[in-house]
Amino acid sequence: DRDALWPLFCQVDKDRSGQLSEKELRAALVNGDWSAFDVHTVRMMIRMFDVDRSGTIDFDEFCGLWGFLSAWRGLFDRFDTDRSGSISLAEFGEALVAFGYRLSPQFVRLLYGTYERGDGRGGGLSFDLFVQACISLKRMTDVFKKYDDDRDGYITLSL
């Protein structure tokens, strides 16, 4: 509900510009354990929702971003079956299968390892890194499909 989001937007808009900078947005977004969102995830969100390409997020863009994150939060909670607050390798694999991906265990491990927390908090994918990993996989899939003309799951690359 936009009316409920306006006070939050105003609270985070520290310079009262009507636009959220990367720093302001990052301060507004926290994981379930109250840790700040990864800076790369915040930048990805700005690129996705900054419709006017200003480099910042206005209130309308913020509403879209908030709805997007709410939907992802539901998916995260659905696959965090042990309720640990992070996604394990097994939970990540189950999520990707549910999303319709058929990937080798080696590729799933590689993707997971790329985004797994390495900051001493016990590993796993926090909410923000789960979103980042899934969106990155979607982008890779979209690029692959662009070159898989006959839709057989194979492409030929040359140097």
Protein backbone atom coordinates (compact mmCIF):
# COMPACT_ATOMS: atom_id res chain seq x y z
CA ASP A 1 0.00 0.00 0.00
CA ARG A 2 1.53 3.27 -1.17
CA ASP A 3 0.15 5.24 1.77
CA ALA A 4 1.93 2.95 4.21
CA LEU A 5 5.22 3.21 2.27
CA TRP A 6 5.32 7.03 2.16
CA PRO A 7 6.41 7.50 5.81
CA LEU A 8 9.14 4.87 5.35
CA PHE A 9 10.35 6.56 2.16
CA CYS A 10 10.47 9.95 3.91
CA GLN A 11 12.34 8.48 6.87
CA VAL A 12 15.01 7.00 4.60
CA ASP A 13 15.27 10.08 2.34
CA LYS A 14 17.76 11.76 4.68
CA ASP A 15 18.58 14.71 2.40
CA ARG A 16 14.87 15.31 1.59
CA SER A 17 15.60 15.26 -2.14
CA GLY A 18 12.63 13.05 -3.00
CA GLN A 19 15.15 10.53 -4.35
CA LEU A 20 16.94 7.69 -2.56
CA SER A 21 20.64 7.44 -3.23
CA GLU A 22 22.44 4.10 -3.13
CA LYS A 23 23.56 4.89 0.43
CA GLU A 24 20.05 5.83 1.57
CA LEU A 25 18.49 2.77 -0.05
CA ARG A 26 21.09 0.47 1.47
CA ALA A 27 20.29 1.92 4.90
CA ALA A 28 16.61 1.09 4.34
CA LEU A 29 17.10 -2.53 3.26
CA VAL A 30 18.02 -5.15 5.84
CA ASN A 31 18.07 -8.92 5.93
CA GLY A 32 16.16 -10.97 8.48
CA ASP A 33 19.16 -10.84 10.81
CA TRP A 34 19.28 -7.01 10.54
CA SER A 35 22.46 -7.07 8.46
CA ALA A 36 22.67 -4.51 5.67
CA PHE A 37 22.01 -5.57 2.09
CA ASP A 38 25.07 -6.36 0.01
CA VAL A 39 26.15 -3.27 -1.93
CA HIS A 40 26.03 -5.20 -5.23
CA THR A 41 22.42 -6.23 -4.55
CA VAL A 42 21.48 -2.60 -3.86
CA ARG A 43 23.11 -1.48 -7.11
CA MET A 44 21.28 -4.23 -9.00
CA MET A 45 17.97 -3.07 -7.47
CA ILE A 46 18.64 0.51 -8.53
CA ARG A 47 19.44 -0.60 -12.10
CA MET A 48 16.25 -2.67 -12.20
CA PHE A 49 13.85 -0.07 -10.77
CA ASP A 50 15.37 3.29 -11.75
CA VAL A 51 12.93 3.83 -14.62
CA ASP A 52 14.06 7.40 -15.35
CA ARG A 53 17.77 6.41 -15.22
CA SER A 54 18.56 9.13 -12.68
CA GLY A 55 20.79 6.83 -10.63
CA THR A 56 18.41 7.19 -7.70
CA ILE A 57 15.03 5.78 -6.66
CA ASP A 58 11.99 8.08 -6.45
CA PHE A 59 8.84 7.19 -4.52
CA ASP A 60 7.07 5.46 -7.43
CA GLU A 61 10.18 3.41 -8.16
CA PHE A 62 10.50 2.63 -4.44
CA CYS A 63 6.94 1.27 -4.39
CA GLY A 64 7.77 -1.07 -7.27
CA LEU A 65 10.98 -2.16 -5.57
CA TRP A 66 9.17 -2.81 -2.30
CA GLY A 67 6.56 -4.99 -3.99
CA PHE A 68 9.31 -6.92 -5.79
CA LEU A 69 11.19 -7.53 -2.54
CA SER A 70 8.00 -8.59 -0.75
CA ALA A 71 7.37 -11.25 -3.39
CA TRP A 72 10.97 -12.48 -3.11
CA ARG A 73 10.67 -12.52 0.68
CA GLY A 74 7.78 -14.97 0.33
CA LEU A 75 9.89 -17.22 -1.90
CA PHE A 76 12.86 -17.02 0.47
CA ASP A 77 10.70 -17.98 3.44
CA ARG A 78 9.15 -20.84 1.45
CA PHE A 79 12.53 -22.40 0.68
CA ASP A 80 14.19 -21.66 4.03
CA THR A 81 12.66 -24.89 5.29
CA ASP A 82 14.83 -25.12 8.41
CA ARG A 83 13.93 -21.50 9.32
CA SER A 84 17.60 -20.65 9.80
CA GLY A 85 17.28 -17.25 8.14
CA SER A 86 19.57 -18.31 5.32
CA ILE A 87 19.33 -20.62 2.34
CA SER A 88 21.53 -23.72 2.45
CA LEU A 89 22.95 -25.41 -0.64
CA ALA A 90 20.22 -28.08 -0.49
CA GLU A 91 17.47 -25.46 -0.10
CA PHE A 92 18.95 -23.46 -2.98
CA GLY A 93 18.92 -26.53 -5.22
CA GLU A 94 15.29 -27.20 -4.32
CA ALA A 95 14.37 -23.58 -5.09
CA LEU A 96 16.01 -23.73 -8.52
CA VAL A 97 14.17 -26.95 -9.37
CA ALA A 98 10.90 -25.33 -8.27
CA PHE A 99 11.71 -22.36 -10.52
CA GLY A 100 11.98 -24.79 -13.44
CA TYR A 101 15.76 -25.03 -13.78
CA ARG A 102 17.45 -28.33 -14.56
CA LEU A 103 21.08 -27.68 -13.66
CA SER A 104 23.97 -29.97 -12.85
CA PRO A 105 24.85 -30.28 -9.14
CA GLN A 106 28.28 -28.85 -10.02
CA PHE A 107 26.74 -25.71 -11.55
CA VAL A 108 24.36 -25.28 -8.59
CA ARG A 109 27.35 -25.54 -6.22
CA LEU A 110 29.33 -23.04 -8.31
CA LEU A 111 26.47 -20.53 -8.36
CA TYR A 112 25.80 -21.02 -4.65
CA GLY A 113 29.49 -20.62 -3.79
CA THR A 114 29.66 -17.40 -5.77
CA TYR A 115 27.02 -15.77 -3.56
CA GLU A 116 27.42 -17.58 -0.24
CA ARG A 117 28.21 -15.37 2.70
CA GLY A 118 31.89 -15.51 3.49
CA ASP A 119 31.86 -13.06 6.37
CA GLY A 120 32.10 -15.50 9.26
CA ARG A 121 28.35 -15.61 10.00
CA GLY A 122 28.04 -19.27 9.18
CA GLY A 123 27.61 -19.27 5.44
CA GLY A 124 24.44 -19.75 3.51
CA LEU A 125 22.62 -17.27 1.33
CA SER A 126 21.09 -14.34 3.16
CA PHE A 127 17.89 -12.91 1.70
CA ASP A 128 19.66 -10.28 -0.40
CA LEU A 129 22.22 -12.74 -1.78
CA PHE A 130 19.48 -15.27 -2.58
CA VAL A 131 17.70 -12.60 -4.64
CA GLN A 132 20.97 -11.59 -6.30
CA ALA A 133 21.87 -15.19 -7.18
CA CYS A 134 18.43 -15.93 -8.64
CA ILE A 135 18.31 -12.74 -10.70
CA SER A 136 21.84 -13.36 -11.98
CA LEU A 137 20.83 -16.88 -13.02
CA LYS A 138 17.77 -15.48 -14.82
CA ARG A 139 19.98 -13.02 -16.69
CA MET A 140 22.40 -15.80 -17.67
CA THR A 141 19.47 -17.91 -18.85
CA ASP A 142 18.08 -15.03 -20.91
CA VAL A 143 21.45 -14.52 -22.63
CA PHE A 144 21.79 -18.26 -23.25
CA LYS A 145 18.31 -18.43 -24.78
CA LYS A 146 19.20 -15.57 -27.10
CA TYR A 147 21.90 -17.76 -28.69
CA ASP A 148 20.07 -21.11 -28.48
CA ASP A 149 18.28 -20.57 -31.79
CA ASP A 150 16.83 -24.06 -32.08
CA ARG A 151 15.95 -24.29 -28.35
CA ASP A 152 17.78 -27.59 -27.86
CA GLY A 153 19.71 -26.45 -24.79
CA TYR A 154 23.03 -26.20 -26.60
CA ILE A 155 24.97 -23.27 -28.05
CA THR A 156 28.23 -23.16 -29.95
CA LEU A 157 30.82 -20.64 -28.86
CA SER A 158 33.93 -19.75 -30.78
CA LEU A 159 36.89 -17.55 -30.06
